[in-house]
Amino acid sequence: MPTTRWRTGLEDFSDCLLTGLLVALASVPVVTAAPAFAAGCRVLDRSRHGIARPLWTTFWADFRQAARGGLPFSLGCLAAVVLFAVDLEIAGSMAGAGVLRPVLWVLAAAVAVVAVRTCEVVASGEPSWRRSVVTAARETAAAPGHALLLAGAAGSAVVLVWMLPILALVVAGPLALAAVATGGRR
């Protein structure tokens, strides 16, 4: 009996890592990162509930579906990252940099949580990315504990990639699992 649980846990872990690889592969053109992450969330949610195998084909079908409306969202996220980098550089040269920099980092973390949650909302079946952003913002405000857990998972992912850059190939899988686990819709 314990061998069966161990194999099931190993299967879940391998699904998580394979999903991370698929998300990384689908995110090679940077503008497809959000639909790829949404597809990863959807695949892991199904996998968690024992639905829809094989993972490879279901991921690509979900990716095509999410890519229909997700490209503008990805471009918006990319623009937000560039704007944050510029703001951080400007804040460093100002007199109140000691106060302004932490505020910018907290704001960036909140925006990142809403962006990750948006992909998870799309994965749960919401076809409109615009409505998903609104839903994600409401859920983030309504459940700050879940938002903090998701921010911690995103922060851990960033630190892991910073420490060992090759982990960028698989870190999206555990982050997608964290988004699905803190989603609270099922």
N, C-alpha and C. Protein backbone atom coordinates (compact mmCIF):
# COMPACT_ATOMS: atom_id res chain seq x y z
N MET A 1 0.81 -1.20 0.00
CA MET A 1 0.00 0.00 0.00
C MET A 1 0.86 1.27 0.00
N PRO A 2 1.89 1.41 0.85
CA PRO A 2 2.71 2.61 0.81
C PRO A 2 3.42 2.79 -0.54
N THR A 3 3.75 1.70 -1.22
CA THR A 3 4.39 1.80 -2.53
C THR A 3 3.46 2.48 -3.52
N THR A 4 2.19 2.19 -3.47
CA THR A 4 1.22 2.81 -4.38
C THR A 4 1.14 4.30 -4.14
N ARG A 5 1.08 4.73 -2.89
CA ARG A 5 1.04 6.16 -2.58
C ARG A 5 2.32 6.85 -3.05
N TRP A 6 3.44 6.19 -2.86
CA TRP A 6 4.71 6.76 -3.28
C TRP A 6 4.74 6.94 -4.79
N ARG A 7 4.27 5.94 -5.52
CA ARG A 7 4.24 6.05 -6.99
C ARG A 7 3.26 7.12 -7.43
N THR A 8 2.13 7.24 -6.76
CA THR A 8 1.17 8.28 -7.11
C THR A 8 1.77 9.66 -6.85
N GLY A 9 2.46 9.82 -5.74
CA GLY A 9 3.11 11.10 -5.45
C GLY A 9 4.19 11.41 -6.46
N LEU A 10 4.94 10.41 -6.87
CA LEU A 10 5.98 10.61 -7.87
C LEU A 10 5.36 10.96 -9.22
N GLU A 11 4.22 10.38 -9.52
CA GLU A 11 3.52 10.70 -10.77
C GLU A 11 3.05 12.16 -10.76
N ASP A 12 2.53 12.60 -9.64
CA ASP A 12 2.10 14.00 -9.53
C ASP A 12 3.29 14.95 -9.68
N PHE A 13 4.40 14.58 -9.06
CA PHE A 13 5.61 15.40 -9.15
C PHE A 13 6.12 15.45 -10.60
N SER A 14 6.10 14.32 -11.27
CA SER A 14 6.58 14.32 -12.66
C SER A 14 5.63 15.10 -13.56
N ASP A 15 4.31 15.04 -13.30
CA ASP A 15 3.37 15.86 -14.05
C ASP A 15 3.66 17.35 -13.86
N CYS A 16 3.98 17.72 -12.64
CA CYS A 16 4.29 19.11 -12.31
C CYS A 16 5.55 19.57 -13.08
N LEU A 17 6.58 18.75 -13.07
CA LEU A 17 7.81 19.12 -13.78
C LEU A 17 7.62 19.12 -15.29
N LEU A 18 6.88 18.15 -15.82
CA LEU A 18 6.60 18.12 -17.26
C LEU A 18 5.79 19.34 -17.67
N THR A 19 4.85 19.72 -16.84
CA THR A 19 4.08 20.93 -17.12
C THR A 19 4.98 22.16 -17.14
N GLY A 20 5.92 22.23 -16.21
CA GLY A 20 6.88 23.33 -16.22
C GLY A 20 7.68 23.38 -17.51
N LEU A 21 8.11 22.22 -17.99
CA LEU A 21 8.85 22.17 -19.26
C LEU A 21 7.97 22.60 -20.43
N LEU A 22 6.72 22.16 -20.45
CA LEU A 22 5.82 22.55 -21.53
C LEU A 22 5.52 24.04 -21.51
N VAL A 23 5.34 24.59 -20.31
CA VAL A 23 5.11 26.04 -20.20
C VAL A 23 6.34 26.80 -20.69
N ALA A 24 7.53 26.34 -20.31
CA ALA A 24 8.76 27.00 -20.77
C ALA A 24 8.89 26.91 -22.28
N LEU A 25 8.57 25.77 -22.85
CA LEU A 25 8.65 25.59 -24.30
C LEU A 25 7.65 26.49 -25.02
N ALA A 26 6.44 26.55 -24.51
CA ALA A 26 5.41 27.38 -25.14
C ALA A 26 5.66 28.87 -24.91
N SER A 27 6.50 29.20 -23.94
CA SER A 27 6.78 30.61 -23.63
C SER A 27 8.01 31.14 -24.34
N VAL A 28 8.59 30.36 -25.22
CA VAL A 28 9.80 30.83 -25.92
C VAL A 28 9.53 32.15 -26.63
N PRO A 29 8.45 32.29 -27.42
CA PRO A 29 8.11 33.65 -27.82
C PRO A 29 7.45 34.31 -26.61
N VAL A 30 8.04 35.30 -26.06
CA VAL A 30 7.66 35.84 -24.75
C VAL A 30 6.19 36.23 -24.67
N VAL A 31 5.60 36.62 -25.79
CA VAL A 31 4.20 37.07 -25.78
C VAL A 31 3.22 35.93 -25.55
N THR A 32 3.69 34.70 -25.52
CA THR A 32 2.79 33.57 -25.26
C THR A 32 2.92 33.03 -23.84
N ALA A 33 3.60 33.75 -22.98
CA ALA A 33 3.84 33.26 -21.62
C ALA A 33 2.55 33.11 -20.82
N ALA A 34 1.66 34.08 -20.88
CA ALA A 34 0.41 34.00 -20.10
C ALA A 34 -0.49 32.87 -20.58
N PRO A 35 -0.73 32.71 -21.89
CA PRO A 35 -1.53 31.55 -22.31
C PRO A 35 -0.87 30.22 -21.97
N ALA A 36 0.45 30.16 -22.04
CA ALA A 36 1.15 28.93 -21.68
C ALA A 36 0.97 28.63 -20.20
N PHE A 37 1.06 29.65 -19.36
CA PHE A 37 0.88 29.45 -17.92
C PHE A 37 -0.57 29.05 -17.61
N ALA A 38 -1.53 29.67 -18.30
CA ALA A 38 -2.93 29.30 -18.10
C ALA A 38 -3.17 27.85 -18.50
N ALA A 39 -2.56 27.42 -19.60
CA ALA A 39 -2.69 26.02 -20.02
C ALA A 39 -2.05 25.10 -18.99
N GLY A 40 -0.92 25.51 -18.43
CA GLY A 40 -0.28 24.72 -17.38
C GLY A 40 -1.16 24.59 -16.15
N CYS A 41 -1.81 25.68 -15.76
CA CYS A 41 -2.73 25.62 -14.62
C CYS A 41 -3.88 24.67 -14.89
N ARG A 42 -4.42 24.73 -16.09
CA ARG A 42 -5.55 23.89 -16.42
C ARG A 42 -5.17 22.40 -16.42
N VAL A 43 -4.02 22.11 -17.01
CA VAL A 43 -3.56 20.72 -17.06
C VAL A 43 -3.30 20.18 -15.66
N LEU A 44 -2.66 20.98 -14.80
CA LEU A 44 -2.38 20.50 -13.45
C LEU A 44 -3.65 20.37 -12.62
N ASP A 45 -4.63 21.23 -12.86
CA ASP A 45 -5.90 21.10 -12.16
C ASP A 45 -6.58 19.80 -12.55
N ARG A 46 -6.58 19.50 -13.83
CA ARG A 46 -7.16 18.23 -14.29
C ARG A 46 -6.38 17.04 -13.73
N SER A 47 -5.08 17.15 -13.75
CA SER A 47 -4.23 16.07 -13.25
C SER A 47 -4.48 15.83 -11.76
N ARG A 48 -4.66 16.92 -11.01
CA ARG A 48 -4.96 16.81 -9.58
C ARG A 48 -6.24 16.05 -9.32
N HIS A 49 -7.20 16.21 -10.23
CA HIS A 49 -8.50 15.56 -10.06
C HIS A 49 -8.59 14.24 -10.83
N GLY A 50 -7.48 13.78 -11.42
CA GLY A 50 -7.45 12.50 -12.12
C GLY A 50 -8.17 12.49 -13.45
N ILE A 51 -8.23 13.65 -14.11
CA ILE A 51 -8.93 13.78 -15.39
C ILE A 51 -7.91 14.08 -16.49
N ALA A 52 -8.21 13.61 -17.68
CA ALA A 52 -7.53 14.03 -18.91
C ALA A 52 -6.06 13.66 -18.98
N ARG A 53 -5.80 12.49 -19.39
CA ARG A 53 -4.46 12.06 -19.76
C ARG A 53 -4.47 11.83 -21.26
N PRO A 54 -3.45 11.91 -21.99
CA PRO A 54 -2.07 12.25 -21.65
C PRO A 54 -1.87 13.75 -21.53
N LEU A 55 -0.94 14.10 -20.72
CA LEU A 55 -0.67 15.50 -20.38
C LEU A 55 -0.22 16.31 -21.60
N TRP A 56 0.63 15.72 -22.42
CA TRP A 56 1.23 16.42 -23.56
C TRP A 56 0.16 16.96 -24.50
N THR A 57 -0.78 16.14 -24.92
CA THR A 57 -1.79 16.58 -25.89
C THR A 57 -2.81 17.53 -25.27
N THR A 58 -3.17 17.30 -24.02
CA THR A 58 -4.14 18.20 -23.40
C THR A 58 -3.52 19.58 -23.18
N PHE A 59 -2.22 19.63 -22.88
CA PHE A 59 -1.57 20.93 -22.70
C PHE A 59 -1.65 21.74 -23.99
N TRP A 60 -1.30 21.15 -25.10
CA TRP A 60 -1.27 21.92 -26.36
C TRP A 60 -2.67 22.34 -26.79
N ALA A 61 -3.67 21.51 -26.52
CA ALA A 61 -5.06 21.92 -26.83
C ALA A 61 -5.48 23.09 -25.95
N ASP A 62 -5.14 23.03 -24.67
CA ASP A 62 -5.47 24.13 -23.76
C ASP A 62 -4.69 25.39 -24.12
N PHE A 63 -3.45 25.23 -24.55
CA PHE A 63 -2.63 26.38 -24.94
C PHE A 63 -3.24 27.09 -26.14
N ARG A 64 -3.66 26.34 -27.14
CA ARG A 64 -4.28 26.97 -28.32
C ARG A 64 -5.54 27.73 -27.93
N GLN A 65 -6.32 27.15 -27.03
CA GLN A 65 -7.54 27.81 -26.59
C GLN A 65 -7.24 29.09 -25.80
N ALA A 66 -6.27 29.04 -24.92
CA ALA A 66 -5.93 30.21 -24.10
C ALA A 66 -5.23 31.29 -24.92
N ALA A 67 -4.53 30.91 -25.98
CA ALA A 67 -3.78 31.88 -26.77
C ALA A 67 -4.69 32.81 -27.57
N ARG A 68 -5.93 32.42 -27.76
CA ARG A 68 -6.84 33.26 -28.56
C ARG A 68 -7.01 34.65 -27.97
N GLY A 69 -7.14 34.76 -26.68
CA GLY A 69 -7.31 36.08 -26.07
C GLY A 69 -6.18 36.49 -25.16
N GLY A 70 -5.21 35.60 -24.97
CA GLY A 70 -4.18 35.85 -23.98
C GLY A 70 -2.98 36.65 -24.45
N LEU A 71 -2.83 36.83 -25.75
CA LEU A 71 -1.67 37.57 -26.24
C LEU A 71 -1.68 39.04 -25.81
N PRO A 72 -2.81 39.74 -25.88
CA PRO A 72 -2.81 41.12 -25.37
C PRO A 72 -2.50 41.20 -23.87
N PHE A 73 -2.98 40.22 -23.11
CA PHE A 73 -2.66 40.19 -21.68
C PHE A 73 -1.17 40.01 -21.46
N SER A 74 -0.55 39.13 -22.23
CA SER A 74 0.90 38.92 -22.13
C SER A 74 1.66 40.19 -22.47
N LEU A 75 1.23 40.88 -23.50
CA LEU A 75 1.88 42.14 -23.87
C LEU A 75 1.73 43.17 -22.76
N GLY A 76 0.57 43.21 -22.13
CA GLY A 76 0.36 44.12 -21.00
C GLY A 76 1.26 43.78 -19.82
N CYS A 77 1.43 42.49 -19.56
CA CYS A 77 2.34 42.07 -18.47
C CYS A 77 3.77 42.44 -18.80
N LEU A 78 4.17 42.26 -20.04
CA LEU A 78 5.52 42.62 -20.45
C LEU A 78 5.74 44.13 -20.32
N ALA A 79 4.73 44.92 -20.70
CA ALA A 79 4.82 46.37 -20.54
C ALA A 79 4.90 46.76 -19.06
N ALA A 80 4.18 46.04 -18.20
CA ALA A 80 4.23 46.33 -16.76
C ALA A 80 5.62 46.03 -16.19
N VAL A 81 6.26 44.97 -16.66
CA VAL A 81 7.61 44.64 -16.19
C VAL A 81 8.60 45.73 -16.61
N VAL A 82 8.48 46.18 -17.85
CA VAL A 82 9.37 47.26 -18.33
C VAL A 82 9.12 48.54 -17.54
N LEU A 83 7.87 48.87 -17.31
CA LEU A 83 7.53 50.07 -16.54
C LEU A 83 8.06 49.98 -15.11
N PHE A 84 7.95 48.80 -14.50
CA PHE A 84 8.48 48.61 -13.16
C PHE A 84 9.99 48.81 -13.13
N ALA A 85 10.69 48.25 -14.12
CA ALA A 85 12.15 48.40 -14.17
C ALA A 85 12.54 49.87 -14.32
N VAL A 86 11.83 50.60 -15.14
CA VAL A 86 12.11 52.03 -15.32
C VAL A 86 11.81 52.78 -14.03
N ASP A 87 10.67 52.49 -13.41
CA ASP A 87 10.32 53.16 -12.15
C ASP A 87 11.33 52.87 -11.05
N LEU A 88 11.81 51.65 -11.00
CA LEU A 88 12.80 51.28 -9.99
C LEU A 88 14.11 52.03 -10.22
N GLU A 89 14.48 52.19 -11.47
CA GLU A 89 15.71 52.93 -11.79
C GLU A 89 15.55 54.41 -11.44
N ILE A 90 14.41 54.98 -11.74
CA ILE A 90 14.15 56.38 -11.41
C ILE A 90 14.09 56.57 -9.90
N ALA A 91 13.44 55.63 -9.21
CA ALA A 91 13.32 55.73 -7.75
C ALA A 91 14.68 55.67 -7.08
N GLY A 92 15.62 54.95 -7.67
CA GLY A 92 16.96 54.85 -7.10
C GLY A 92 17.71 56.15 -7.12
N SER A 93 17.37 57.03 -8.07
CA SER A 93 18.07 58.30 -8.17
C SER A 93 17.37 59.43 -7.41
N MET A 94 16.25 59.15 -6.81
CA MET A 94 15.50 60.18 -6.08
C MET A 94 15.95 60.24 -4.62
N ALA A 95 15.56 61.30 -3.95
CA ALA A 95 15.95 61.51 -2.56
C ALA A 95 15.28 60.50 -1.62
N GLY A 96 14.05 60.12 -1.86
CA GLY A 96 13.33 59.21 -0.96
C GLY A 96 13.39 57.77 -1.40
N ALA A 97 14.50 57.33 -1.96
CA ALA A 97 14.63 55.98 -2.50
C ALA A 97 14.45 54.91 -1.43
N GLY A 98 14.83 55.19 -0.20
CA GLY A 98 14.71 54.22 0.89
C GLY A 98 13.27 53.85 1.19
N VAL A 99 12.35 54.75 0.92
CA VAL A 99 10.94 54.50 1.18
C VAL A 99 10.24 54.05 -0.10
N LEU A 100 10.62 54.65 -1.21
CA LEU A 100 9.93 54.39 -2.47
C LEU A 100 10.22 53.00 -3.04
N ARG A 101 11.43 52.51 -2.89
CA ARG A 101 11.77 51.19 -3.44
C ARG A 101 10.95 50.06 -2.81
N PRO A 102 10.84 49.99 -1.49
CA PRO A 102 10.00 48.91 -0.92
C PRO A 102 8.53 49.02 -1.35
N VAL A 103 8.03 50.23 -1.48
CA VAL A 103 6.65 50.41 -1.93
C VAL A 103 6.50 49.87 -3.35
N LEU A 104 7.47 50.15 -4.21
CA LEU A 104 7.43 49.64 -5.58
C LEU A 104 7.49 48.11 -5.61
N TRP A 105 8.32 47.52 -4.74
CA TRP A 105 8.42 46.07 -4.70
C TRP A 105 7.11 45.43 -4.22
N VAL A 106 6.46 46.03 -3.24
CA VAL A 106 5.17 45.50 -2.76
C VAL A 106 4.11 45.63 -3.85
N LEU A 107 4.11 46.76 -4.54
CA LEU A 107 3.17 46.95 -5.65
C LEU A 107 3.44 45.93 -6.76
N ALA A 108 4.69 45.69 -7.08
CA ALA A 108 5.04 44.71 -8.11
C ALA A 108 4.61 43.30 -7.70
N ALA A 109 4.76 42.98 -6.42
CA ALA A 109 4.33 41.66 -5.94
C ALA A 109 2.81 41.51 -6.06
N ALA A 110 2.08 42.56 -5.72
CA ALA A 110 0.62 42.51 -5.83
C ALA A 110 0.18 42.35 -7.29
N VAL A 111 0.83 43.07 -8.18
CA VAL A 111 0.50 42.95 -9.61
C VAL A 111 0.86 41.56 -10.13
N ALA A 112 1.98 41.01 -9.68
CA ALA A 112 2.38 39.66 -10.09
C ALA A 112 1.37 38.63 -9.61
N VAL A 113 0.89 38.77 -8.38
CA VAL A 113 -0.10 37.83 -7.85
C VAL A 113 -1.39 37.91 -8.67
N VAL A 114 -1.82 39.12 -9.00
CA VAL A 114 -3.04 39.26 -9.80
C VAL A 114 -2.83 38.67 -11.20
N ALA A 115 -1.65 38.85 -11.77
CA ALA A 115 -1.38 38.29 -13.10
C ALA A 115 -1.39 36.76 -13.07
N VAL A 116 -0.75 36.17 -12.06
CA VAL A 116 -0.74 34.70 -11.94
C VAL A 116 -2.16 34.19 -11.67
N ARG A 117 -2.87 34.87 -10.80
CA ARG A 117 -4.25 34.48 -10.49
C ARG A 117 -5.14 34.62 -11.73
N THR A 118 -4.89 35.61 -12.57
CA THR A 118 -5.66 35.78 -13.81
C THR A 118 -5.51 34.56 -14.70
N CYS A 119 -4.30 34.07 -14.84
CA CYS A 119 -4.07 32.87 -15.64
C CYS A 119 -4.80 31.67 -15.04
N GLU A 120 -4.84 31.59 -13.74
CA GLU A 120 -5.54 30.50 -13.08
C GLU A 120 -7.05 30.62 -13.27
N VAL A 121 -7.58 31.84 -13.27
CA VAL A 121 -9.01 32.05 -13.51
C VAL A 121 -9.37 31.64 -14.94
N VAL A 122 -8.51 32.01 -15.89
CA VAL A 122 -8.74 31.59 -17.28
C VAL A 122 -8.71 30.07 -17.37
N ALA A 123 -7.81 29.45 -16.64
CA ALA A 123 -7.70 27.99 -16.66
C ALA A 123 -8.93 27.32 -16.06
N SER A 124 -9.62 28.01 -15.18
CA SER A 124 -10.80 27.41 -14.56
C SER A 124 -12.03 27.50 -15.44
N GLY A 125 -11.90 28.13 -16.61
CA GLY A 125 -13.01 28.11 -17.56
C GLY A 125 -13.53 29.47 -18.00
N GLU A 126 -13.01 30.55 -17.48
CA GLU A 126 -13.46 31.89 -17.89
C GLU A 126 -12.85 32.19 -19.26
N PRO A 127 -13.69 32.37 -20.29
CA PRO A 127 -13.13 32.59 -21.63
C PRO A 127 -12.57 33.99 -21.86
N SER A 128 -13.03 34.98 -21.12
CA SER A 128 -12.60 36.36 -21.33
C SER A 128 -11.44 36.71 -20.39
N TRP A 129 -10.34 37.17 -20.97
CA TRP A 129 -9.19 37.56 -20.16
C TRP A 129 -9.49 38.84 -19.39
N ARG A 130 -10.30 39.73 -19.95
CA ARG A 130 -10.64 40.98 -19.23
C ARG A 130 -11.44 40.69 -17.97
N ARG A 131 -12.44 39.84 -18.10
CA ARG A 131 -13.23 39.48 -16.91
C ARG A 131 -12.38 38.71 -15.92
N SER A 132 -11.43 37.95 -16.43
CA SER A 132 -10.54 37.18 -15.55
C SER A 132 -9.67 38.10 -14.70
N VAL A 133 -9.22 39.21 -15.28
CA VAL A 133 -8.42 40.16 -14.51
C VAL A 133 -9.24 40.73 -13.36
N VAL A 134 -10.48 41.08 -13.63
CA VAL A 134 -11.36 41.63 -12.59
C VAL A 134 -11.62 40.58 -11.51
N THR A 135 -11.91 39.35 -11.93
CA THR A 135 -12.15 38.27 -10.98
C THR A 135 -10.91 38.00 -10.14
N ALA A 136 -9.75 38.00 -10.78
CA ALA A 136 -8.50 37.75 -10.06
C ALA A 136 -8.22 38.84 -9.04
N ALA A 137 -8.47 40.09 -9.41
CA ALA A 137 -8.25 41.20 -8.48
C ALA A 137 -9.20 41.09 -7.28
N ARG A 138 -10.45 40.71 -7.55
CA ARG A 138 -11.42 40.54 -6.45
C ARG A 138 -11.00 39.40 -5.52
N GLU A 139 -10.58 38.28 -6.11
CA GLU A 139 -10.18 37.14 -5.30
C GLU A 139 -8.93 37.46 -4.47
N THR A 140 -8.02 38.21 -5.06
CA THR A 140 -6.81 38.59 -4.34
C THR A 140 -7.15 39.46 -3.14
N ALA A 141 -8.07 40.40 -3.34
CA ALA A 141 -8.47 41.27 -2.24
C ALA A 141 -9.31 40.52 -1.20
N ALA A 142 -10.12 39.56 -1.66
CA ALA A 142 -11.01 38.84 -0.75
C ALA A 142 -10.28 37.80 0.10
N ALA A 143 -9.19 37.25 -0.43
CA ALA A 143 -8.46 36.20 0.29
C ALA A 143 -6.98 36.58 0.38
N PRO A 144 -6.64 37.51 1.28
CA PRO A 144 -5.25 37.94 1.36
C PRO A 144 -4.29 36.83 1.79
N GLY A 145 -4.78 35.85 2.54
CA GLY A 145 -3.93 34.73 2.92
C GLY A 145 -3.49 33.92 1.71
N HIS A 146 -4.44 33.65 0.83
CA HIS A 146 -4.10 32.93 -0.40
C HIS A 146 -3.17 33.76 -1.27
N ALA A 147 -3.40 35.07 -1.30
CA ALA A 147 -2.53 35.95 -2.08
C ALA A 147 -1.10 35.94 -1.54
N LEU A 148 -0.97 35.93 -0.21
CA LEU A 148 0.37 35.86 0.39
C LEU A 148 1.06 34.54 0.08
N LEU A 149 0.30 33.44 0.12
CA LEU A 149 0.87 32.14 -0.24
C LEU A 149 1.34 32.14 -1.69
N LEU A 150 0.53 32.70 -2.57
CA LEU A 150 0.90 32.75 -3.99
C LEU A 150 2.09 33.68 -4.21
N ALA A 151 2.14 34.79 -3.47
CA ALA A 151 3.30 35.68 -3.56
C ALA A 151 4.55 34.98 -3.07
N GLY A 152 4.42 34.19 -2.02
CA GLY A 152 5.56 33.42 -1.53
C GLY A 152 6.03 32.39 -2.54
N ALA A 153 5.09 31.74 -3.22
CA ALA A 153 5.45 30.76 -4.25
C ALA A 153 6.14 31.46 -5.42
N ALA A 154 5.62 32.62 -5.82
CA ALA A 154 6.26 33.35 -6.92
C ALA A 154 7.64 33.85 -6.51
N GLY A 155 7.75 34.35 -5.29
CA GLY A 155 9.06 34.79 -4.80
C GLY A 155 10.06 33.65 -4.72
N SER A 156 9.60 32.49 -4.27
CA SER A 156 10.47 31.32 -4.23
C SER A 156 10.92 30.91 -5.63
N ALA A 157 10.00 30.99 -6.58
CA ALA A 157 10.35 30.66 -7.96
C ALA A 157 11.42 31.60 -8.49
N VAL A 158 11.27 32.89 -8.19
CA VAL A 158 12.26 33.87 -8.63
C VAL A 158 13.62 33.60 -7.99
N VAL A 159 13.63 33.32 -6.71
CA VAL A 159 14.89 33.05 -6.02
C VAL A 159 15.55 31.78 -6.56
N LEU A 160 14.76 30.75 -6.81
CA LEU A 160 15.32 29.51 -7.36
C LEU A 160 15.95 29.73 -8.73
N VAL A 161 15.28 30.49 -9.57
CA VAL A 161 15.84 30.77 -10.90
C VAL A 161 17.06 31.67 -10.79
N TRP A 162 17.05 32.59 -9.84
CA TRP A 162 18.22 33.45 -9.63
C TRP A 162 19.42 32.63 -9.18
N MET A 163 19.18 31.66 -8.28
CA MET A 163 20.27 30.84 -7.77
C MET A 163 20.77 29.82 -8.78
N LEU A 164 19.85 29.23 -9.54
CA LEU A 164 20.20 28.20 -10.50
C LEU A 164 19.36 28.43 -11.76
N PRO A 165 19.85 29.19 -12.73
CA PRO A 165 19.05 29.61 -13.88
C PRO A 165 18.43 28.46 -14.69
N ILE A 166 19.01 27.28 -14.67
CA ILE A 166 18.45 26.16 -15.42
C ILE A 166 17.06 25.77 -14.90
N LEU A 167 16.76 26.13 -13.65
CA LEU A 167 15.44 25.83 -13.08
C LEU A 167 14.32 26.62 -13.75
N ALA A 168 14.68 27.61 -14.57
CA ALA A 168 13.67 28.35 -15.32
C ALA A 168 12.88 27.42 -16.24
N LEU A 169 13.47 26.28 -16.57
CA LEU A 169 12.79 25.33 -17.45
C LEU A 169 11.65 24.59 -16.75
N VAL A 170 11.67 24.48 -15.43
CA VAL A 170 10.65 23.69 -14.74
C VAL A 170 9.88 24.45 -13.67
N VAL A 171 10.31 25.64 -13.31
CA VAL A 171 9.73 26.34 -12.16
C VAL A 171 8.28 26.77 -12.41
N ALA A 172 7.86 26.88 -13.65
CA ALA A 172 6.48 27.27 -13.93
C ALA A 172 5.49 26.19 -13.50
N GLY A 173 5.91 24.94 -13.49
CA GLY A 173 5.02 23.86 -13.06
C GLY A 173 4.62 23.97 -11.60
N PRO A 174 5.59 24.05 -10.68
CA PRO A 174 5.21 24.23 -9.28
C PRO A 174 4.46 25.54 -9.02
N LEU A 175 4.80 26.59 -9.75
CA LEU A 175 4.07 27.85 -9.57
C LEU A 175 2.63 27.71 -10.06
N ALA A 176 2.42 27.01 -11.15
CA ALA A 176 1.05 26.77 -11.64
C ALA A 176 0.27 25.92 -10.63
N LEU A 177 0.94 24.94 -10.04
CA LEU A 177 0.28 24.13 -9.02
C LEU A 177 -0.10 24.98 -7.80
N ALA A 178 0.78 25.90 -7.42
CA ALA A 178 0.47 26.80 -6.30
C ALA A 178 -0.72 27.70 -6.65
N ALA A 179 -0.78 28.17 -7.89
CA ALA A 179 -1.91 29.01 -8.30
C ALA A 179 -3.21 28.23 -8.26
N VAL A 180 -3.18 27.00 -8.73
CA VAL A 180 -4.38 26.17 -8.72
C VAL A 180 -4.79 25.82 -7.29
N ALA A 181 -3.81 25.52 -6.45
CA ALA A 181 -4.10 25.13 -5.07
C ALA A 181 -4.67 26.28 -4.25
N THR A 182 -4.26 27.50 -4.55
CA THR A 182 -4.78 28.65 -3.79
C THR A 182 -5.97 29.31 -4.46
N GLY A 183 -6.42 28.74 -5.58
CA GLY A 183 -7.54 29.33 -6.32
C GLY A 183 -8.86 29.27 -5.59
N GLY A 184 -9.16 28.14 -5.00
CA GLY A 184 -10.37 28.04 -4.19
C GLY A 184 -11.67 27.88 -4.96
N ARG A 185 -11.63 27.61 -6.26
CA ARG A 185 -12.87 27.45 -7.00
C ARG A 185 -13.39 26.02 -7.01
N ARG A 186 -12.52 25.04 -6.74
CA ARG A 186 -12.97 23.64 -6.78
C ARG A 186 -12.59 22.93 -5.52
